[in-house]
Amino acid sequence: MTPSCRPTAPNRFCPSNPIEEGVVIALEPPKIQVPDSVLDDLKSRLERALWTEQLPGIDWDYCSNLGYVKELVKYWRTKFDWRGQ
């Protein structure tokens, strides 16, 4: 029996246990609750990030461009709505 074919969870992948015609299954997005202290800690860590210098002649060749990453972290720190996600 595959994980998607449990008798207690009928679905389209398990023909021996079909969902009854006309049955409506309501899907709800998961509710994620992150304490303010965790987001405060994240903001503090982003503010304290230590940056190295960009290697000469290296832009996107080995991982990410340093300027891009700095701008991304600034966006996360100042504008990104962590609660809205």
C-alpha atoms as a PDB file:
ATOM      1  CA  MET A   1       0.000   0.000   0.000  1.00  0.00           C
ATOM      2  CA  THR A   2       1.461   3.374  -0.965  1.00  0.00           C
ATOM      3  CA  PRO A   3       1.430   6.302   1.493  1.00  0.00           C
ATOM      4  CA  SER A   4      -1.169   8.061  -0.678  1.00  0.00           C
ATOM      5  CA  CYS A   5      -3.480   5.038  -0.597  1.00  0.00           C
ATOM      6  CA  ARG A   6      -4.528   4.645   3.016  1.00  0.00           C
ATOM      7  CA  PRO A   7      -8.027   3.324   3.718  1.00  0.00           C
ATOM      8  CA  THR A   8      -8.700   6.296   5.998  1.00  0.00           C
ATOM      9  CA  ALA A   9      -7.757   8.822   3.294  1.00  0.00           C
ATOM     10  CA  PRO A  10      -9.477   7.963   0.025  1.00  0.00           C
ATOM     11  CA  ASN A  11      -8.225   9.847  -2.997  1.00  0.00           C
ATOM     12  CA  ARG A  12      -7.893   9.685  -6.780  1.00  0.00           C
ATOM     13  CA  PHE A  13      -4.672   7.679  -6.471  1.00  0.00           C
ATOM     14  CA  CYS A  14      -6.429   4.818  -4.727  1.00  0.00           C
ATOM     15  CA  PRO A  15      -9.098   3.336  -7.013  1.00  0.00           C
ATOM     16  CA  SER A  16     -10.060   0.705  -4.456  1.00  0.00           C
ATOM     17  CA  ASN A  17     -11.200   3.471  -2.120  1.00  0.00           C
ATOM     18  CA  PRO A  18     -12.684   6.242  -4.304  1.00  0.00           C
ATOM     19  CA  ILE A  19     -14.155   9.477  -3.046  1.00  0.00           C
ATOM     20  CA  GLU A  20     -17.928   9.417  -3.321  1.00  0.00           C
ATOM     21  CA  GLU A  21     -19.317  11.409  -6.206  1.00  0.00           C
ATOM     22  CA  GLY A  22     -20.473  14.863  -5.114  1.00  0.00           C
ATOM     23  CA  VAL A  23     -18.299  14.976  -1.988  1.00  0.00           C
ATOM     24  CA  VAL A  24     -16.589  18.350  -1.599  1.00  0.00           C
ATOM     25  CA  ILE A  25     -13.269  18.478   0.199  1.00  0.00           C
ATOM     26  CA  ALA A  26     -12.393  21.874   1.664  1.00  0.00           C
ATOM     27  CA  LEU A  27      -8.691  22.679   1.600  1.00  0.00           C
ATOM     28  CA  GLU A  28      -7.380  25.361   3.888  1.00  0.00           C
ATOM     29  CA  PRO A  29      -3.882  26.829   3.917  1.00  0.00           C
ATOM     30  CA  PRO A  30      -1.870  25.833   6.965  1.00  0.00           C
ATOM     31  CA  LYS A  31      -1.754  28.346   9.781  1.00  0.00           C
ATOM     32  CA  ILE A  32       1.807  29.146  10.728  1.00  0.00           C
ATOM     33  CA  GLN A  33       2.342  30.953  13.981  1.00  0.00           C
ATOM     34  CA  VAL A  34       5.765  32.478  14.523  1.00  0.00           C
ATOM     35  CA  PRO A  35       6.363  34.314  17.800  1.00  0.00           C
ATOM     36  CA  ASP A  36       7.394  37.975  17.587  1.00  0.00           C
ATOM     37  CA  SER A  37      10.627  37.063  19.375  1.00  0.00           C
ATOM     38  CA  VAL A  38      11.642  34.849  16.433  1.00  0.00           C
ATOM     39  CA  LEU A  39      11.030  37.621  13.895  1.00  0.00           C
ATOM     40  CA  ASP A  40      12.843  40.113  16.145  1.00  0.00           C
ATOM     41  CA  ASP A  41      15.798  37.728  16.299  1.00  0.00           C
ATOM     42  CA  LEU A  42      15.784  37.348  12.519  1.00  0.00           C
ATOM     43  CA  LYS A  43      15.767  41.120  12.024  1.00  0.00           C
ATOM     44  CA  SER A  44      18.640  41.485  14.483  1.00  0.00           C
ATOM     45  CA  ARG A  45      20.685  38.825  12.682  1.00  0.00           C
ATOM     46  CA  LEU A  46      20.056  40.470   9.315  1.00  0.00           C
ATOM     47  CA  GLU A  47      21.184  43.819  10.735  1.00  0.00           C
ATOM     48  CA  ARG A  48      24.385  42.249  12.090  1.00  0.00           C
ATOM     49  CA  ALA A  49      25.321  40.380   8.918  1.00  0.00           C
ATOM     50  CA  LEU A  50      29.049  40.502   8.213  1.00  0.00           C
ATOM     51  CA  TRP A  51      30.025  40.977   4.602  1.00  0.00           C
ATOM     52  CA  THR A  52      33.209  40.010   2.837  1.00  0.00           C
ATOM     53  CA  GLU A  53      34.522  41.847  -0.189  1.00  0.00           C
ATOM     54  CA  GLN A  54      33.452  40.722  -3.641  1.00  0.00           C
ATOM     55  CA  LEU A  55      36.246  38.688  -5.231  1.00  0.00           C
ATOM     56  CA  PRO A  56      37.806  40.567  -8.151  1.00  0.00           C
ATOM     57  CA  GLY A  57      36.525  39.418 -11.535  1.00  0.00           C
ATOM     58  CA  ILE A  58      33.884  37.185  -9.946  1.00  0.00           C
ATOM     59  CA  ASP A  59      30.272  38.239 -10.404  1.00  0.00           C
ATOM     60  CA  TRP A  60      27.742  35.388 -10.581  1.00  0.00           C
ATOM     61  CA  ASP A  61      30.346  32.741 -11.410  1.00  0.00           C
ATOM     62  CA  TYR A  62      30.575  31.265  -7.912  1.00  0.00           C
ATOM     63  CA  CYS A  63      27.236  31.572  -6.166  1.00  0.00           C
ATOM     64  CA  SER A  64      25.566  35.003  -5.884  1.00  0.00           C
ATOM     65  CA  ASN A  65      26.640  38.535  -6.614  1.00  0.00           C
ATOM     66  CA  LEU A  66      27.504  40.294  -3.336  1.00  0.00           C
ATOM     67  CA  GLY A  67      25.664  43.505  -4.233  1.00  0.00           C
ATOM     68  CA  TYR A  68      22.519  41.538  -5.053  1.00  0.00           C
ATOM     69  CA  VAL A  69      22.634  39.643  -1.753  1.00  0.00           C
ATOM     70  CA  LYS A  70      23.157  42.872   0.211  1.00  0.00           C
ATOM     71  CA  GLU A  71      20.125  44.448  -1.486  1.00  0.00           C
ATOM     72  CA  LEU A  72      18.068  41.321  -0.813  1.00  0.00           C
ATOM     73  CA  VAL A  73      18.969  41.357   2.884  1.00  0.00           C
ATOM     74  CA  LYS A  74      18.178  45.086   3.067  1.00  0.00           C
ATOM     75  CA  TYR A  75      14.764  44.359   1.543  1.00  0.00           C
ATOM     76  CA  TRP A  76      14.134  41.554   4.037  1.00  0.00           C
ATOM     77  CA  ARG A  77      15.184  43.843   6.887  1.00  0.00           C
ATOM     78  CA  THR A  78      13.223  46.956   5.922  1.00  0.00           C
ATOM     79  CA  LYS A  79      10.334  46.183   3.556  1.00  0.00           C
ATOM     80  CA  PHE A  80       9.422  42.488   3.455  1.00  0.00           C
ATOM     81  CA  ASP A  81       6.175  41.653   5.272  1.00  0.00           C
ATOM     82  CA  TRP A  82       7.108  38.516   7.197  1.00  0.00           C
ATOM     83  CA  ARG A  83       3.669  38.302   8.784  1.00  0.00           C
ATOM     84  CA  GLY A  84       1.939  38.684   5.432  1.00  0.00           C
ATOM     85  CA  GLN A  85       3.645  35.612   4.072  1.00  0.00           C
END
